[in-house]
């Protein structure tokens, strides 16, 4: 989630990545995520089980994200990731983050 270091072979090259802010192509999501966050100073925890069906993979997460900007603020958020799969190929076609908090509320958690 925070490093964008994913196993590319399980994603369709036409897959989309959506969070509470925007929707991105796979290449833009990888580049943007790597530029935005300090992966080695951020933390992601899976909460509960990972649920897998032929149509989707879902899991809950909690993360502390350090931004790669001056003062290195860290925000905390939680939510659910839904990975929609192509039923024939099994490849992931869509990555969707659904946050438990609003964007504004996430920004209010910033610690410097």
Foldseek 3Di string as FASTA:
>chain_A
DQQLPDDCVQADQQAWEEELPGIHGSVCVNVVSNQFFDVVPKDKDWDDDWDDDLFKIKTKMKMWTFTPDPPRKIWIWIFMWIFTADNPPRGTRYIYTDTPDHPVVRVVRIDD
